[in-house]
PDB file of N, CA and C in Angstrom:
ATOM      1  N   MET A   1      70.888  31.135  13.522  1.00  0.00           N
ATOM      2  CA  MET A   1      69.874  30.724  13.153  1.00  0.00           C
ATOM      3  C   MET A   1      69.125  32.455  13.214  1.00  0.00           C
ATOM      4  N   LYS A   2      68.105  32.439  11.957  1.00  0.00           N
ATOM      5  CA  LYS A   2      67.697  33.748  11.068  1.00  0.00           C
ATOM      6  C   LYS A   2      66.266  33.793  12.104  1.00  0.00           C
ATOM      7  N   ALA A   3      65.828  35.060  12.415  1.00  0.00           N
ATOM      8  CA  ALA A   3      64.557  35.318  12.963  1.00  0.00           C
ATOM      9  C   ALA A   3      63.275  34.805  12.030  1.00  0.00           C
ATOM     10  N   PRO A   4      63.298  35.040  10.551  1.00  0.00           N
ATOM     11  CA  PRO A   4      62.143  33.747  10.174  1.00  0.00           C
ATOM     12  C   PRO A   4      62.193  32.638  10.428  1.00  0.00           C
ATOM     13  N   PHE A   5      63.192  32.189  10.664  1.00  0.00           N
ATOM     14  CA  PHE A   5      62.863  30.735  10.615  1.00  0.00           C
ATOM     15  C   PHE A   5      62.483  30.107  12.196  1.00  0.00           C
ATOM     16  N   ILE A   6      63.136  31.218  13.246  1.00  0.00           N
ATOM     17  CA  ILE A   6      63.085  30.942  14.463  1.00  0.00           C
ATOM     18  C   ILE A   6      60.814  31.068  14.549  1.00  0.00           C
ATOM     19  N   ALA A   7      60.495  32.150  14.020  1.00  0.00           N
ATOM     20  CA  ALA A   7      59.232  32.364  14.009  1.00  0.00           C
ATOM     21  C   ALA A   7      58.750  31.756  13.678  1.00  0.00           C
ATOM     22  N   GLY A   8      58.893  31.078  12.299  1.00  0.00           N
ATOM     23  CA  GLY A   8      58.382  29.849  11.623  1.00  0.00           C
ATOM     24  C   GLY A   8      58.214  28.950  12.444  1.00  0.00           C
ATOM     25  N   LEU A   9      59.341  28.172  13.301  1.00  0.00           N
ATOM     26  CA  LEU A   9      58.927  27.448  14.011  1.00  0.00           C
ATOM     27  C   LEU A   9      58.141  27.366  15.560  1.00  0.00           C
ATOM     28  N   ILE A  10      58.086  28.391  15.739  1.00  0.00           N
ATOM     29  CA  ILE A  10      57.057  28.998  17.247  1.00  0.00           C
ATOM     30  C   ILE A  10      55.786  28.832  16.366  1.00  0.00           C
ATOM     31  N   LEU A  11      55.645  29.447  15.290  1.00  0.00           N
ATOM     32  CA  LEU A  11      54.361  29.323  14.562  1.00  0.00           C
ATOM     33  C   LEU A  11      53.584  27.971  14.405  1.00  0.00           C
ATOM     34  N   ILE A  12      54.584  27.180  13.563  1.00  0.00           N
ATOM     35  CA  ILE A  12      54.200  26.015  13.679  1.00  0.00           C
ATOM     36  C   ILE A  12      53.822  25.424  14.741  1.00  0.00           C
ATOM     37  N   GLY A  13      54.423  25.522  15.342  1.00  0.00           N
ATOM     38  CA  GLY A  13      54.151  24.729  16.786  1.00  0.00           C
ATOM     39  C   GLY A  13      52.753  25.150  17.443  1.00  0.00           C
ATOM     40  N   GLY A  14      52.798  26.668  17.153  1.00  0.00           N
ATOM     41  CA  GLY A  14      51.222  27.087  17.979  1.00  0.00           C
ATOM     42  C   GLY A  14      50.210  26.872  16.962  1.00  0.00           C
ATOM     43  N   GLY A  15      49.942  26.741  15.607  1.00  0.00           N
ATOM     44  CA  GLY A  15      49.882  26.387  14.609  1.00  0.00           C
ATOM     45  C   GLY A  15      48.742  24.881  14.740  1.00  0.00           C
ATOM     46  N   ILE A  16      49.691  23.562  15.574  1.00  0.00           N
ATOM     47  CA  ILE A  16      49.510  22.528  15.517  1.00  0.00           C
ATOM     48  C   ILE A  16      48.555  22.444  17.223  1.00  0.00           C
ATOM     49  N   PHE A  17      49.152  23.258  17.866  1.00  0.00           N
ATOM     50  CA  PHE A  17      48.322  23.276  19.078  1.00  0.00           C
ATOM     51  C   PHE A  17      47.045  23.755  19.135  1.00  0.00           C
ATOM     52  N   LEU A  18      46.896  24.703  18.295  1.00  0.00           N
ATOM     53  CA  LEU A  18      45.338  25.443  17.908  1.00  0.00           C
ATOM     54  C   LEU A  18      44.632  24.402  17.298  1.00  0.00           C
ATOM     55  N   ILE A  19      44.872  23.482  16.582  1.00  0.00           N
ATOM     56  CA  ILE A  19      44.510  22.979  15.594  1.00  0.00           C
ATOM     57  C   ILE A  19      44.182  21.457  16.666  1.00  0.00           C
ATOM     58  N   VAL A  20      45.027  21.119  16.904  1.00  0.00           N
ATOM     59  CA  VAL A  20      44.368  19.749  18.371  1.00  0.00           C
ATOM     60  C   VAL A  20      43.675  20.172  19.418  1.00  0.00           C
ATOM     61  N   ARG A  21      44.372  21.154  19.903  1.00  0.00           N
ATOM     62  CA  ARG A  21      43.350  21.635  21.228  1.00  0.00           C
ATOM     63  C   ARG A  21      43.101  22.829  21.294  1.00  0.00           C
ATOM     64  N   PRO A  22      42.020  23.145  20.435  1.00  0.00           N
ATOM     65  CA  PRO A  22      41.473  24.763  20.521  1.00  0.00           C
ATOM     66  C   PRO A  22      41.257  25.369  21.999  1.00  0.00           C
ATOM     67  N   PRO A  23      41.484  26.139  22.292  1.00  0.00           N
ATOM     68  CA  PRO A  23      41.075  26.945  23.487  1.00  0.00           C
ATOM     69  C   PRO A  23      39.584  27.567  23.622  1.00  0.00           C
ATOM     70  N   HIS A  24      38.942  27.616  24.825  1.00  0.00           N
ATOM     71  CA  HIS A  24      36.943  28.090  24.571  1.00  0.00           C
ATOM     72  C   HIS A  24      37.770  29.449  25.303  1.00  0.00           C
ATOM     73  N   TYR A  25      36.775  29.947  24.694  1.00  0.00           N
ATOM     74  CA  TYR A  25      36.572  31.669  25.562  1.00  0.00           C
ATOM     75  C   TYR A  25      34.852  31.525  25.777  1.00  0.00           C
ATOM     76  N   SER A  26      34.518  32.433  26.499  1.00  0.00           N
ATOM     77  CA  SER A  26      32.847  33.018  26.725  1.00  0.00           C
ATOM     78  C   SER A  26      32.532  33.697  25.982  1.00  0.00           C
ATOM     79  N   SER A  27      31.311  33.581  25.739  1.00  0.00           N
ATOM     80  CA  SER A  27      30.647  34.774  24.800  1.00  0.00           C
ATOM     81  C   SER A  27      28.749  34.802  25.812  1.00  0.00           C
ATOM     82  N   GLU A  28      28.700  36.020  25.810  1.00  0.00           N
ATOM     83  CA  GLU A  28      27.853  36.368  26.569  1.00  0.00           C
ATOM     84  C   GLU A  28      26.704  37.355  25.408  1.00  0.00           C
ATOM     85  N   ARG A  29      25.403  36.708  25.645  1.00  0.00           N
ATOM     86  CA  ARG A  29      24.666  37.276  24.787  1.00  0.00           C
ATOM     87  C   ARG A  29      23.171  38.057  25.551  1.00  0.00           C
ATOM     88  N   ARG A  30      22.745  39.058  25.247  1.00  0.00           N
ATOM     89  CA  ARG A  30      21.320  39.315  25.554  1.00  0.00           C
ATOM     90  C   ARG A  30      20.110  38.511  25.154  1.00  0.00           C
ATOM     91  N   VAL A  31      19.504  38.006  25.397  1.00  0.00           N
ATOM     92  CA  VAL A  31      18.350  37.456  24.983  1.00  0.00           C
ATOM     93  C   VAL A  31      17.096  38.225  24.946  1.00  0.00           C
ATOM     94  N   LEU A  32      16.891  38.857  26.500  1.00  0.00           N
ATOM     95  CA  LEU A  32      15.700  39.638  26.822  1.00  0.00           C
ATOM     96  C   LEU A  32      16.274  40.770  27.114  1.00  0.00           C
ATOM     97  N   LYS A  33      14.900  41.285  26.906  1.00  0.00           N
ATOM     98  CA  LYS A  33      15.090  43.018  27.914  1.00  0.00           C
ATOM     99  C   LYS A  33      13.463  43.824  27.893  1.00  0.00           C
ATOM    100  N   PHE A  34      13.274  43.454  29.057  1.00  0.00           N
ATOM    101  CA  PHE A  34      11.790  43.855  29.396  1.00  0.00           C
ATOM    102  C   PHE A  34      11.964  44.673  30.273  1.00  0.00           C
ATOM    103  N   GLY A  35      11.779  46.164  30.126  1.00  0.00           N
ATOM    104  CA  GLY A  35      11.881  47.095  31.143  1.00  0.00           C
ATOM    105  C   GLY A  35      13.107  47.108  31.681  1.00  0.00           C
ATOM    106  N   GLY A  36      13.008  47.096  33.214  1.00  0.00           N
ATOM    107  CA  GLY A  36      14.281  46.879  34.351  1.00  0.00           C
ATOM    108  C   GLY A  36      14.514  45.300  34.586  1.00  0.00           C
ATOM    109  N   LEU A  37      13.682  44.092  33.319  1.00  0.00           N
ATOM    110  CA  LEU A  37      14.057  42.895  33.578  1.00  0.00           C
ATOM    111  C   LEU A  37      15.209  42.441  32.612  1.00  0.00           C
ATOM    112  N   SER A  38      15.895  41.577  32.643  1.00  0.00           N
ATOM    113  CA  SER A  38      16.880  41.283  31.428  1.00  0.00           C
ATOM    114  C   SER A  38      17.331  39.918  31.597  1.00  0.00           C
ATOM    115  N   ALA A  39      17.658  39.226  30.667  1.00  0.00           N
ATOM    116  CA  ALA A  39      17.968  37.847  30.592  1.00  0.00           C
ATOM    117  C   ALA A  39      19.559  37.983  29.596  1.00  0.00           C
ATOM    118  N   SER A  40      20.093  37.271  30.356  1.00  0.00           N
ATOM    119  CA  SER A  40      21.774  36.572  29.001  1.00  0.00           C
ATOM    120  C   SER A  40      21.927  35.581  29.074  1.00  0.00           C
ATOM    121  N   VAL A  41      22.273  35.044  27.977  1.00  0.00           N
ATOM    122  CA  VAL A  41      22.631  33.629  28.243  1.00  0.00           C
ATOM    123  C   VAL A  41      24.076  33.375  27.757  1.00  0.00           C
ATOM    124  N   ARG A  42      25.372  32.758  28.431  1.00  0.00           N
ATOM    125  CA  ARG A  42      26.521  32.632  28.112  1.00  0.00           C
ATOM    126  C   ARG A  42      26.919  31.222  27.533  1.00  0.00           C
ATOM    127  N   GLN A  43      28.012  31.220  26.765  1.00  0.00           N
ATOM    128  CA  GLN A  43      27.902  30.184  26.061  1.00  0.00           C
ATOM    129  C   GLN A  43      29.475  29.669  25.892  1.00  0.00           C
ATOM    130  N   GLU A  44      29.849  28.433  26.266  1.00  0.00           N
ATOM    131  CA  GLU A  44      31.320  28.213  25.896  1.00  0.00           C
ATOM    132  C   GLU A  44      31.575  28.347  24.211  1.00  0.00           C
ATOM    133  N   ARG A  45      32.735  28.634  23.780  1.00  0.00           N
ATOM    134  CA  ARG A  45      32.978  28.325  22.257  1.00  0.00           C
ATOM    135  C   ARG A  45      34.101  27.753  22.407  1.00  0.00           C
ATOM    136  N   ALA A  46      34.282  27.340  21.184  1.00  0.00           N
ATOM    137  CA  ALA A  46      35.653  26.754  20.931  1.00  0.00           C
ATOM    138  C   ALA A  46      36.598  27.879  19.875  1.00  0.00           C
ATOM    139  N   LEU A  47      37.983  28.101  19.847  1.00  0.00           N
ATOM    140  CA  LEU A  47      38.059  28.966  18.522  1.00  0.00           C
ATOM    141  C   LEU A  47      38.110  28.052  17.159  1.00  0.00           C
ATOM    142  N   PRO A  48      37.602  28.707  16.306  1.00  0.00           N
ATOM    143  CA  PRO A  48      37.645  28.163  14.846  1.00  0.00           C
ATOM    144  C   PRO A  48      38.884  27.311  14.311  1.00  0.00           C
ATOM    145  N   GLY A  49      38.872  25.727  13.903  1.00  0.00           N
ATOM    146  CA  GLY A  49      39.754  25.258  13.410  1.00  0.00           C
ATOM    147  C   GLY A  49      40.444  26.145  12.291  1.00  0.00           C
ATOM    148  N   TRP A  50      39.808  26.776  11.365  1.00  0.00           N
ATOM    149  CA  TRP A  50      41.010  27.910  10.736  1.00  0.00           C
ATOM    150  C   TRP A  50      41.813  28.678  10.996  1.00  0.00           C
ATOM    151  N   VAL A  51      41.620  29.150  12.409  1.00  0.00           N
ATOM    152  CA  VAL A  51      42.597  30.143  12.888  1.00  0.00           C
ATOM    153  C   VAL A  51      43.715  29.366  13.159  1.00  0.00           C
ATOM    154  N   GLY A  52      43.772  27.800  13.465  1.00  0.00           N
ATOM    155  CA  GLY A  52      44.864  27.071  13.752  1.00  0.00           C
ATOM    156  C   GLY A  52      45.414  26.461  12.389  1.00  0.00           C
ATOM    157  N   GLY A  53      44.874  26.409  11.427  1.00  0.00           N
ATOM    158  CA  GLY A  53      45.414  26.406  10.226  1.00  0.00           C
ATOM    159  C   GLY A  53      46.189  27.456   9.358  1.00  0.00           C
ATOM    160  N   THR A  54      45.108  28.766   9.647  1.00  0.00           N
ATOM    161  CA  THR A  54      46.080  30.376   8.935  1.00  0.00           C
ATOM    162  C   THR A  54      47.530  30.064   9.634  1.00  0.00           C
ATOM    163  N   VAL A  55      47.773  29.765  11.177  1.00  0.00           N
ATOM    164  CA  VAL A  55      48.397  30.034  12.002  1.00  0.00           C
ATOM    165  C   VAL A  55      49.737  29.100  11.376  1.00  0.00           C
ATOM    166  N   LEU A  56      49.588  27.902  11.373  1.00  0.00           N
ATOM    167  CA  LEU A  56      50.070  26.854  10.690  1.00  0.00           C
ATOM    168  C   LEU A  56      50.908  27.421   9.388  1.00  0.00           C
ATOM    169  N   GLY A  57      50.070  28.082   8.317  1.00  0.00           N
ATOM    170  CA  GLY A  57      50.387  27.947   7.277  1.00  0.00           C
ATOM    171  C   GLY A  57      51.506  29.343   6.899  1.00  0.00           C
ATOM    172  N   ALA A  58      51.155  30.580   8.463  1.00  0.00           N
ATOM    173  CA  ALA A  58      51.896  31.081   7.758  1.00  0.00           C
ATOM    174  C   ALA A  58      53.608  30.816   8.431  1.00  0.00           C
ATOM    175  N   GLY A  59      53.194  29.929   9.721  1.00  0.00           N
ATOM    176  CA  GLY A  59      54.263  29.550  10.412  1.00  0.00           C
ATOM    177  C   GLY A  59      55.534  28.453   9.194  1.00  0.00           C
ATOM    178  N   LEU A  60      54.740  27.640   8.045  1.00  0.00           N
ATOM    179  CA  LEU A  60      55.350  27.188   6.993  1.00  0.00           C
ATOM    180  C   LEU A  60      56.029  28.399   6.341  1.00  0.00           C
ATOM    181  N   VAL A  61      55.352  29.830   5.918  1.00  0.00           N
ATOM    182  CA  VAL A  61      55.801  30.369   4.795  1.00  0.00           C
ATOM    183  C   VAL A  61      56.994  30.840   5.573  1.00  0.00           C
ATOM    184  N   LEU A  62      56.936  31.398   6.596  1.00  0.00           N
ATOM    185  CA  LEU A  62      58.223  31.449   7.178  1.00  0.00           C
ATOM    186  C   LEU A  62      59.189  30.926   7.391  1.00  0.00           C
ATOM    187  N   LEU A  63      58.779  29.702   7.778  1.00  0.00           N
ATOM    188  CA  LEU A  63      59.962  28.893   8.073  1.00  0.00           C
ATOM    189  C   LEU A  63      60.482  28.255   6.440  1.00  0.00           C
ATOM    190  N   SER A  64      59.723  28.559   5.449  1.00  0.00           N
ATOM    191  CA  SER A  64      60.527  28.816   3.723  1.00  0.00           C
ATOM    192  C   SER A  64      61.660  29.464   3.776  1.00  0.00           C
ATOM    193  N   VAL A  65      61.156  30.166   3.993  1.00  0.00           N
ATOM    194  CA  VAL A  65      61.591  32.014   3.649  1.00  0.00           C
ATOM    195  C   VAL A  65      62.828  31.758   4.334  1.00  0.00           C
ATOM    196  N   GLY A  66      63.154  31.574   5.772  1.00  0.00           N
ATOM    197  CA  GLY A  66      63.919  31.576   6.785  1.00  0.00           C
ATOM    198  C   GLY A  66      65.029  30.176   5.960  1.00  0.00           C
ATOM    199  N   LEU A  67      64.493  29.719   5.291  1.00  0.00           N
ATOM    200  CA  LEU A  67      65.552  28.755   4.449  1.00  0.00           C
ATOM    201  C   LEU A  67      66.071  28.687   3.362  1.00  0.00           C
ATOM    202  N   LEU A  68      65.163  29.494   2.602  1.00  0.00           N
ATOM    203  CA  LEU A  68      66.228  30.256   1.646  1.00  0.00           C
ATOM    204  C   LEU A  68      66.556  30.812   1.852  1.00  0.00           C
ATOM    205  N   LYS A  69      66.690  31.813   2.486  1.00  0.00           N
ATOM    206  CA  LYS A  69      67.757  32.423   3.038  1.00  0.00           C
ATOM    207  C   LYS A  69      68.981  32.355   3.724  1.00  0.00           C
ATOM    208  N   ARG A  70      69.360  31.353   3.613  1.00  0.00           N
ATOM    209  CA  ARG A  70      70.107  30.456   4.378  1.00  0.00           C
ATOM    210  C   ARG A  70      71.636  30.343   3.565  1.00  0.00           C
TER     211      ARG A  70
END
């Protein structure tokens, strides 16, 4: 098997995983600063769905390139 074909399969699997079950990350923002006093907010955010779609699309392109070179 060629490298683009294998990379395409891996990216397709990763893209499907990101679409079905997106990972979460923490985002911290400072909302108030007054002299020595400061307050911040921490939010849990999910990875946007377009990231998984982009990875899936790149995997499909690599898979097709790998199949055409055979």
